[in-house]
Amino acid sequence: MTKREGRATAPFACPVESHRGTCVLLDVISQPFTHRAEAIGSAVVLHGAFSETTLADMRACHPRRLVTVDDDVLVIWPADRTARQTERTQRR
């Protein structure tokens, strides 16, 4: 697990394998509205105050991942979570 709290200078490496263009994750983490970031396996959990624009940017950057915001938590879910979500949607 990789963590980053506050304005620490510790490097944070995006665990998501594929990207469309430059990863915006490091830019979002460096913003004052992001309070904490964790990489848990290939998932990323961010705590802070996120706008719809931030959510849209994260989704555009990680098109093969499910990206959600719930209150003050933004999650880039693991690829297997996205596959399960797609299967459920196709069954309906």
Protein backbone atom coordinates (compact mmCIF):
# COMPACT_ATOMS: atom_id res chain seq x y z
CA MET A 1 0.00 0.00 0.00
CA THR A 2 1.25 3.46 -0.88
CA LYS A 3 -0.02 6.41 1.15
CA ARG A 4 0.32 10.16 0.99
CA GLU A 5 -0.96 12.47 3.71
CA GLY A 6 -1.23 16.26 3.60
CA ARG A 7 1.41 18.06 1.56
CA ALA A 8 4.09 15.41 2.08
CA THR A 9 6.77 15.16 -0.57
CA ALA A 10 6.79 11.35 -0.62
CA PRO A 11 6.34 10.08 -4.18
CA PHE A 12 3.02 8.53 -5.13
CA ALA A 13 3.09 6.13 -8.06
CA CYS A 14 -0.19 5.49 -9.86
CA PRO A 15 -0.87 1.74 -9.66
CA VAL A 16 -3.25 1.77 -12.64
CA GLU A 17 -1.63 -0.06 -15.55
CA SER A 18 -3.13 1.69 -18.56
CA HIS A 19 -3.86 5.37 -19.14
CA ARG A 20 -5.25 7.59 -21.82
CA GLY A 21 -2.72 10.40 -22.09
CA THR A 22 -1.01 11.81 -19.01
CA CYS A 23 -2.26 10.55 -15.65
CA VAL A 24 -4.13 13.32 -13.85
CA LEU A 25 -3.94 11.43 -10.55
CA LEU A 26 -0.69 13.06 -9.44
CA ASP A 27 -2.10 16.51 -10.27
CA VAL A 28 -5.24 15.82 -8.23
CA ILE A 29 -3.22 14.49 -5.30
CA SER A 30 -1.14 17.67 -5.19
CA GLN A 31 -4.21 19.93 -4.95
CA PRO A 32 -5.22 21.42 -1.58
CA PHE A 33 -8.68 19.81 -1.84
CA THR A 34 -7.10 16.33 -1.61
CA HIS A 35 -6.45 15.39 2.00
CA ARG A 36 -5.14 11.83 1.66
CA ALA A 37 -4.36 9.27 -1.05
CA GLU A 38 -3.82 5.53 -0.80
CA ALA A 39 -2.95 2.87 -3.35
CA ILE A 40 -4.29 -0.52 -2.28
CA GLY A 41 -3.17 -3.04 -4.84
CA SER A 42 -4.28 -1.54 -8.15
CA ALA A 43 -7.07 0.51 -6.56
CA VAL A 44 -6.67 4.17 -5.57
CA VAL A 45 -8.61 5.82 -2.74
CA LEU A 46 -8.55 9.62 -2.41
CA HIS A 47 -10.06 11.58 0.47
CA GLY A 48 -10.99 15.22 -0.08
CA ALA A 49 -13.55 17.54 -1.65
CA PHE A 50 -13.90 16.58 -5.33
CA SER A 51 -15.83 18.36 -8.06
CA GLU A 52 -17.72 16.84 -10.99
CA THR A 53 -14.88 18.11 -13.20
CA THR A 54 -12.31 16.16 -11.17
CA LEU A 55 -14.47 13.03 -11.42
CA ALA A 56 -14.81 13.49 -15.19
CA ASP A 57 -11.03 14.00 -15.57
CA MET A 58 -10.31 10.83 -13.58
CA ARG A 59 -12.80 8.83 -15.65
CA ALA A 60 -11.30 10.13 -18.91
CA CYS A 61 -7.78 9.27 -17.75
CA HIS A 62 -8.75 5.75 -16.55
CA PRO A 63 -11.31 4.61 -19.17
CA ARG A 64 -11.07 0.91 -18.30
CA ARG A 65 -11.74 1.52 -14.60
CA LEU A 66 -14.84 2.25 -12.59
CA VAL A 67 -14.32 5.66 -10.94
CA THR A 68 -16.78 6.74 -8.24
CA VAL A 69 -17.22 9.55 -5.71
CA ASP A 70 -19.17 9.10 -2.50
CA ASP A 71 -19.21 12.14 -0.21
CA ASP A 72 -15.50 12.95 0.23
CA VAL A 73 -14.03 9.68 -1.12
CA LEU A 74 -13.03 9.17 -4.75
CA VAL A 75 -12.18 5.58 -5.73
CA ILE A 76 -10.54 4.19 -8.85
CA TRP A 77 -11.64 0.57 -8.53
CA PRO A 78 -9.48 -2.43 -9.48
CA ALA A 79 -9.87 -3.79 -13.00
CA ASP A 80 -11.63 -6.96 -11.77
CA ARG A 81 -14.30 -4.79 -10.08
CA THR A 82 -14.91 -3.06 -13.42
CA ALA A 83 -15.25 -6.43 -15.18
CA ARG A 84 -17.82 -7.63 -12.61
CA GLN A 85 -19.78 -4.38 -12.96
CA THR A 86 -19.83 -4.78 -16.75
CA GLU A 87 -21.06 -8.39 -16.45
CA ARG A 88 -23.94 -7.32 -14.17
CA THR A 89 -24.93 -4.52 -16.55
CA GLN A 90 -24.92 -6.89 -19.55
CA ARG A 91 -27.11 -9.46 -17.75
CA ARG A 92 -29.93 -6.93 -17.17
